[in-house]
PDB file of all heavy atoms in Angstrom:
ATOM      1  N   ARG A   1       0.840  -1.204   0.000  1.00  0.00           N
ATOM      2  CA  ARG A   1       0.000   0.000   0.000  1.00  0.00           C
ATOM      3  C   ARG A   1       0.871   1.249   0.000  1.00  0.00           C
ATOM      4  O   ARG A   1       2.048   1.212   0.376  1.00  0.00           O
ATOM      5  CB  ARG A   1      -0.930  -0.002   1.202  1.00  0.00           C
ATOM      6  CG  ARG A   1      -1.769  -1.279   1.295  1.00  0.00           C
ATOM      7  CD  ARG A   1      -2.906  -1.119   2.243  1.00  0.00           C
ATOM      8  NE  ARG A   1      -3.482  -2.393   2.626  1.00  0.00           N
ATOM      9  CZ  ARG A   1      -4.782  -2.667   2.600  1.00  0.00           C
ATOM     10  NH1 ARG A   1      -5.636  -1.755   2.168  1.00  0.00           N
ATOM     11  NH2 ARG A   1      -5.240  -3.838   2.982  1.00  0.00           N
ATOM     12  N   GLU A   2       0.276   2.350  -0.415  1.00  0.00           N
ATOM     13  CA  GLU A   2       0.943   3.645  -0.399  1.00  0.00           C
ATOM     14  C   GLU A   2       0.299   4.494   0.690  1.00  0.00           C
ATOM     15  O   GLU A   2      -0.928   4.662   0.699  1.00  0.00           O
ATOM     16  CB  GLU A   2       0.803   4.343  -1.759  1.00  0.00           C
ATOM     17  CG  GLU A   2       1.428   3.556  -2.894  1.00  0.00           C
ATOM     18  CD  GLU A   2       1.184   4.172  -4.254  1.00  0.00           C
ATOM     19  OE1 GLU A   2       0.147   4.856  -4.410  1.00  0.00           O
ATOM     20  OE2 GLU A   2       2.010   3.968  -5.156  1.00  0.00           O
ATOM     21  N   VAL A   3       1.106   5.008   1.619  1.00  0.00           N
ATOM     22  CA  VAL A   3       0.540   5.745   2.748  1.00  0.00           C
ATOM     23  C   VAL A   3       1.239   7.085   2.936  1.00  0.00           C
ATOM     24  O   VAL A   3       2.440   7.218   2.714  1.00  0.00           O
ATOM     25  CB  VAL A   3       0.627   4.930   4.059  1.00  0.00           C
ATOM     26  CG1 VAL A   3      -0.309   3.730   3.998  1.00  0.00           C
ATOM     27  CG2 VAL A   3       2.047   4.473   4.327  1.00  0.00           C
ATOM     28  N   ILE A   4       0.462   8.059   3.324  1.00  0.00           N
ATOM     29  CA  ILE A   4       0.945   9.398   3.645  1.00  0.00           C
ATOM     30  C   ILE A   4       0.471   9.742   5.052  1.00  0.00           C
ATOM     31  O   ILE A   4      -0.698   9.501   5.393  1.00  0.00           O
ATOM     32  CB  ILE A   4       0.404  10.439   2.655  1.00  0.00           C
ATOM     33  CG1 ILE A   4       0.975  10.205   1.252  1.00  0.00           C
ATOM     34  CG2 ILE A   4       0.723  11.861   3.111  1.00  0.00           C
ATOM     35  CD1 ILE A   4       0.382  11.109   0.187  1.00  0.00           C
ATOM     36  N   MET A   5       1.348  10.282   5.868  1.00  0.00           N
ATOM     37  CA  MET A   5       0.985  10.705   7.216  1.00  0.00           C
ATOM     38  C   MET A   5       0.894  12.224   7.271  1.00  0.00           C
ATOM     39  O   MET A   5       1.865  12.919   6.938  1.00  0.00           O
ATOM     40  CB  MET A   5       2.011  10.202   8.234  1.00  0.00           C
ATOM     41  CG  MET A   5       1.815  10.742   9.649  1.00  0.00           C
ATOM     42  SD  MET A   5       0.242  10.223  10.385  1.00  0.00           S
ATOM     43  CE  MET A   5       0.705   8.700  11.214  1.00  0.00           C
ATOM     44  N   VAL A   6      -0.257  12.736   7.640  1.00  0.00           N
ATOM     45  CA  VAL A   6      -0.426  14.167   7.894  1.00  0.00           C
ATOM     46  C   VAL A   6      -0.468  14.328   9.411  1.00  0.00           C
ATOM     47  O   VAL A   6      -1.405  13.875  10.059  1.00  0.00           O
ATOM     48  CB  VAL A   6      -1.715  14.717   7.252  1.00  0.00           C
ATOM     49  CG1 VAL A   6      -1.916  16.179   7.620  1.00  0.00           C
ATOM     50  CG2 VAL A   6      -1.664  14.552   5.738  1.00  0.00           C
ATOM     51  N   SER A   7       0.563  14.936   9.956  1.00  0.00           N
ATOM     52  CA  SER A   7       0.705  14.983  11.412  1.00  0.00           C
ATOM     53  C   SER A   7       0.690  16.405  11.952  1.00  0.00           C
ATOM     54  O   SER A   7       1.474  17.252  11.536  1.00  0.00           O
ATOM     55  CB  SER A   7       2.013  14.305  11.832  1.00  0.00           C
ATOM     56  OG  SER A   7       2.177  14.377  13.232  1.00  0.00           O
ATOM     57  N   SER A   8      -0.192  16.636  12.885  1.00  0.00           N
ATOM     58  CA  SER A   8      -0.151  17.859  13.683  1.00  0.00           C
ATOM     59  C   SER A   8       0.942  17.699  14.733  1.00  0.00           C
ATOM     60  O   SER A   8       1.598  16.671  14.816  1.00  0.00           O
ATOM     61  CB  SER A   8      -1.509  18.097  14.342  1.00  0.00           C
ATOM     62  OG  SER A   8      -2.530  18.211  13.378  1.00  0.00           O
ATOM     63  N   GLY A   9       1.121  18.713  15.554  1.00  0.00           N
ATOM     64  CA  GLY A   9       1.998  18.577  16.706  1.00  0.00           C
ATOM     65  C   GLY A   9       3.170  19.517  16.772  1.00  0.00           C
ATOM     66  O   GLY A   9       3.786  19.643  17.835  1.00  0.00           O
ATOM     67  N   ALA A  10       3.513  20.207  15.675  1.00  0.00           N
ATOM     68  CA  ALA A  10       4.697  21.067  15.704  1.00  0.00           C
ATOM     69  C   ALA A  10       4.525  22.217  16.686  1.00  0.00           C
ATOM     70  O   ALA A  10       5.408  22.487  17.513  1.00  0.00           O
ATOM     71  CB  ALA A  10       4.999  21.596  14.309  1.00  0.00           C
ATOM     72  N   ILE A  11       3.395  22.912  16.612  1.00  0.00           N
ATOM     73  CA  ILE A  11       3.186  24.043  17.513  1.00  0.00           C
ATOM     74  C   ILE A  11       3.087  23.569  18.955  1.00  0.00           C
ATOM     75  O   ILE A  11       3.679  24.159  19.870  1.00  0.00           O
ATOM     76  CB  ILE A  11       1.934  24.837  17.102  1.00  0.00           C
ATOM     77  CG1 ILE A  11       2.186  25.565  15.773  1.00  0.00           C
ATOM     78  CG2 ILE A  11       1.538  25.844  18.187  1.00  0.00           C
ATOM     79  CD1 ILE A  11       1.003  26.361  15.264  1.00  0.00           C
ATOM     80  N   ALA A  12       2.339  22.479  19.162  1.00  0.00           N
ATOM     81  CA  ALA A  12       2.178  21.962  20.526  1.00  0.00           C
ATOM     82  C   ALA A  12       3.525  21.545  21.118  1.00  0.00           C
ATOM     83  O   ALA A  12       3.819  21.816  22.284  1.00  0.00           O
ATOM     84  CB  ALA A  12       1.204  20.786  20.525  1.00  0.00           C
ATOM     85  N   GLU A  13       4.365  20.886  20.319  1.00  0.00           N
ATOM     86  CA  GLU A  13       5.686  20.482  20.801  1.00  0.00           C
ATOM     87  C   GLU A  13       6.569  21.698  21.037  1.00  0.00           C
ATOM     88  O   GLU A  13       7.320  21.756  22.022  1.00  0.00           O
ATOM     89  CB  GLU A  13       6.350  19.538  19.793  1.00  0.00           C
ATOM     90  CG  GLU A  13       7.812  19.228  20.052  1.00  0.00           C
ATOM     91  CD  GLU A  13       8.068  18.483  21.355  1.00  0.00           C
ATOM     92  OE1 GLU A  13       7.098  18.032  22.007  1.00  0.00           O
ATOM     93  OE2 GLU A  13       9.257  18.328  21.722  1.00  0.00           O
ATOM     94  N   GLY A  14       6.456  22.697  20.165  1.00  0.00           N
ATOM     95  CA  GLY A  14       7.221  23.927  20.366  1.00  0.00           C
ATOM     96  C   GLY A  14       6.816  24.642  21.641  1.00  0.00           C
ATOM     97  O   GLY A  14       7.673  25.168  22.373  1.00  0.00           O
ATOM     98  N   MET A  15       5.507  24.666  21.930  1.00  0.00           N
ATOM     99  CA  MET A  15       5.023  25.273  23.170  1.00  0.00           C
ATOM    100  C   MET A  15       5.648  24.579  24.376  1.00  0.00           C
ATOM    101  O   MET A  15       6.077  25.233  25.330  1.00  0.00           O
ATOM    102  CB  MET A  15       3.496  25.169  23.234  1.00  0.00           C
ATOM    103  CG  MET A  15       2.749  26.104  22.300  1.00  0.00           C
ATOM    104  SD  MET A  15       0.975  25.691  22.199  1.00  0.00           S
ATOM    105  CE  MET A  15       0.513  25.671  23.937  1.00  0.00           C
ATOM    106  N   LYS A  16       5.710  23.264  24.331  1.00  0.00           N
ATOM    107  CA  LYS A  16       6.265  22.496  25.438  1.00  0.00           C
ATOM    108  C   LYS A  16       7.751  22.806  25.595  1.00  0.00           C
ATOM    109  O   LYS A  16       8.246  23.040  26.711  1.00  0.00           O
ATOM    110  CB  LYS A  16       6.043  21.012  25.195  1.00  0.00           C
ATOM    111  CG  LYS A  16       6.442  20.133  26.370  1.00  0.00           C
ATOM    112  CD  LYS A  16       7.745  19.432  26.099  1.00  0.00           C
ATOM    113  CE  LYS A  16       8.086  18.464  27.236  1.00  0.00           C
ATOM    114  NZ  LYS A  16       9.404  17.798  27.028  1.00  0.00           N
ATOM    115  N   ARG A  17       8.488  22.843  24.506  1.00  0.00           N
ATOM    116  CA  ARG A  17       9.918  23.113  24.562  1.00  0.00           C
ATOM    117  C   ARG A  17      10.211  24.535  25.030  1.00  0.00           C
ATOM    118  O   ARG A  17      11.244  24.785  25.650  1.00  0.00           O
ATOM    119  CB  ARG A  17      10.541  22.875  23.187  1.00  0.00           C
ATOM    120  CG  ARG A  17      10.550  21.422  22.762  1.00  0.00           C
ATOM    121  CD  ARG A  17      11.320  21.216  21.466  1.00  0.00           C
ATOM    122  NE  ARG A  17      11.429  19.787  21.143  1.00  0.00           N
ATOM    123  CZ  ARG A  17      12.386  19.261  20.409  1.00  0.00           C
ATOM    124  NH1 ARG A  17      13.349  20.036  19.899  1.00  0.00           N
ATOM    125  NH2 ARG A  17      12.409  17.965  20.162  1.00  0.00           N
ATOM    126  N   LEU A  18       9.293  25.455  24.715  1.00  0.00           N
ATOM    127  CA  LEU A  18       9.479  26.850  25.120  1.00  0.00           C
ATOM    128  C   LEU A  18       8.896  27.144  26.505  1.00  0.00           C
ATOM    129  O   LEU A  18       9.028  28.262  27.011  1.00  0.00           O
ATOM    130  CB  LEU A  18       8.829  27.783  24.082  1.00  0.00           C
ATOM    131  CG  LEU A  18       9.515  27.804  22.703  1.00  0.00           C
ATOM    132  CD1 LEU A  18       8.628  28.515  21.680  1.00  0.00           C
ATOM    133  CD2 LEU A  18      10.871  28.485  22.793  1.00  0.00           C
ATOM    134  N   GLY A  19       8.237  26.174  27.101  1.00  0.00           N
ATOM    135  CA  GLY A  19       7.679  26.352  28.436  1.00  0.00           C
ATOM    136  C   GLY A  19       6.373  27.113  28.459  1.00  0.00           C
ATOM    137  O   GLY A  19       5.981  27.641  29.500  1.00  0.00           O
ATOM    138  N   TRP A  20       5.661  27.159  27.317  1.00  0.00           N
ATOM    139  CA  TRP A  20       4.382  27.872  27.256  1.00  0.00           C
ATOM    140  C   TRP A  20       3.249  26.910  27.587  1.00  0.00           C
ATOM    141  O   TRP A  20       3.184  25.800  27.051  1.00  0.00           O
ATOM    142  CB  TRP A  20       4.148  28.448  25.868  1.00  0.00           C
ATOM    143  CG  TRP A  20       5.182  29.467  25.448  1.00  0.00           C
ATOM    144  CD1 TRP A  20       6.124  30.066  26.235  1.00  0.00           C
ATOM    145  CD2 TRP A  20       5.390  29.970  24.136  1.00  0.00           C
ATOM    146  NE1 TRP A  20       6.889  30.935  25.505  1.00  0.00           N
ATOM    147  CE2 TRP A  20       6.464  30.903  24.202  1.00  0.00           C
ATOM    148  CE3 TRP A  20       4.784  29.761  22.896  1.00  0.00           C
ATOM    149  CZ2 TRP A  20       6.927  31.594  23.102  1.00  0.00           C
ATOM    150  CZ3 TRP A  20       5.238  30.443  21.791  1.00  0.00           C
ATOM    151  CH2 TRP A  20       6.289  31.356  21.885  1.00  0.00           C
ATOM    152  N   THR A  21       2.326  27.327  28.446  1.00  0.00           N
ATOM    153  CA  THR A  21       1.218  26.465  28.852  1.00  0.00           C
ATOM    154  C   THR A  21      -0.072  26.760  28.103  1.00  0.00           C
ATOM    155  O   THR A  21      -0.991  25.954  28.103  1.00  0.00           O
ATOM    156  CB  THR A  21       0.955  26.607  30.364  1.00  0.00           C
ATOM    157  OG1 THR A  21       0.715  27.993  30.675  1.00  0.00           O
ATOM    158  CG2 THR A  21       2.151  26.102  31.156  1.00  0.00           C
ATOM    159  N   THR A  22      -0.161  27.926  27.483  1.00  0.00           N
ATOM    160  CA  THR A  22      -1.348  28.270  26.701  1.00  0.00           C
ATOM    161  C   THR A  22      -0.926  28.633  25.283  1.00  0.00           C
ATOM    162  O   THR A  22       0.147  29.214  25.071  1.00  0.00           O
ATOM    163  CB  THR A  22      -2.120  29.449  27.318  1.00  0.00           C
ATOM    164  OG1 THR A  22      -1.246  30.586  27.433  1.00  0.00           O
ATOM    165  CG2 THR A  22      -2.649  29.080  28.695  1.00  0.00           C
ATOM    166  N   ARG A  23      -1.760  28.291  24.336  1.00  0.00           N
ATOM    167  CA  ARG A  23      -1.464  28.558  22.926  1.00  0.00           C
ATOM    168  C   ARG A  23      -1.449  30.063  22.682  1.00  0.00           C
ATOM    169  O   ARG A  23      -2.414  30.760  23.001  1.00  0.00           O
ATOM    170  CB  ARG A  23      -2.517  27.896  22.043  1.00  0.00           C
ATOM    171  CG  ARG A  23      -2.251  28.034  20.539  1.00  0.00           C
ATOM    172  CD  ARG A  23      -3.403  27.433  19.755  1.00  0.00           C
ATOM    173  NE  ARG A  23      -3.233  27.620  18.321  1.00  0.00           N
ATOM    174  CZ  ARG A  23      -2.734  26.713  17.489  1.00  0.00           C
ATOM    175  NH1 ARG A  23      -2.351  25.544  17.958  1.00  0.00           N
ATOM    176  NH2 ARG A  23      -2.617  26.953  16.207  1.00  0.00           N
ATOM    177  N   PRO A  24      -0.367  30.604  22.124  1.00  0.00           N
ATOM    178  CA  PRO A  24      -0.298  32.050  21.879  1.00  0.00           C
ATOM    179  C   PRO A  24      -1.238  32.466  20.757  1.00  0.00           C
ATOM    180  O   PRO A  24      -1.632  31.644  19.922  1.00  0.00           O
ATOM    181  CB  PRO A  24       1.163  32.270  21.486  1.00  0.00           C
ATOM    182  CG  PRO A  24       1.607  30.957  20.926  1.00  0.00           C
ATOM    183  CD  PRO A  24       0.856  29.910  21.701  1.00  0.00           C
ATOM    184  N   LYS A  25      -1.579  33.748  20.731  1.00  0.00           N
ATOM    185  CA  LYS A  25      -2.445  34.275  19.688  1.00  0.00           C
ATOM    186  C   LYS A  25      -1.646  35.020  18.616  1.00  0.00           C
ATOM    187  O   LYS A  25      -2.052  35.090  17.466  1.00  0.00           O
ATOM    188  CB  LYS A  25      -3.492  35.216  20.294  1.00  0.00           C
ATOM    189  CG  LYS A  25      -4.469  34.527  21.240  1.00  0.00           C
ATOM    190  CD  LYS A  25      -5.575  35.469  21.636  1.00  0.00           C
ATOM    191  CE  LYS A  25      -6.586  34.920  22.610  1.00  0.00           C
ATOM    192  NZ  LYS A  25      -6.735  33.520  22.745  1.00  0.00           N
ATOM    193  N   ALA A  26      -0.521  35.598  18.989  1.00  0.00           N
ATOM    194  CA  ALA A  26       0.287  36.371  18.044  1.00  0.00           C
ATOM    195  C   ALA A  26       0.881  35.441  16.989  1.00  0.00           C
ATOM    196  O   ALA A  26       1.441  34.394  17.311  1.00  0.00           O
ATOM    197  CB  ALA A  26       1.399  37.114  18.777  1.00  0.00           C
ATOM    198  N   ILE A  27       0.773  35.845  15.717  1.00  0.00           N
ATOM    199  CA  ILE A  27       1.221  34.993  14.626  1.00  0.00           C
ATOM    200  C   ILE A  27       2.714  34.700  14.709  1.00  0.00           C
ATOM    201  O   ILE A  27       3.152  33.573  14.448  1.00  0.00           O
ATOM    202  CB  ILE A  27       0.846  35.623  13.263  1.00  0.00           C
ATOM    203  CG1 ILE A  27       1.176  34.656  12.117  1.00  0.00           C
ATOM    204  CG2 ILE A  27       1.548  36.954  13.061  1.00  0.00           C
ATOM    205  CD1 ILE A  27       0.296  33.467  12.052  1.00  0.00           C
TER     206      ILE A  27
END
């Protein structure tokens, strides 16, 4: 079979690495 993975998580992982507990609003 041919499979493609579309994965979220970059922003959430970045928040964790940066120590942010709430999702920022500023672009």
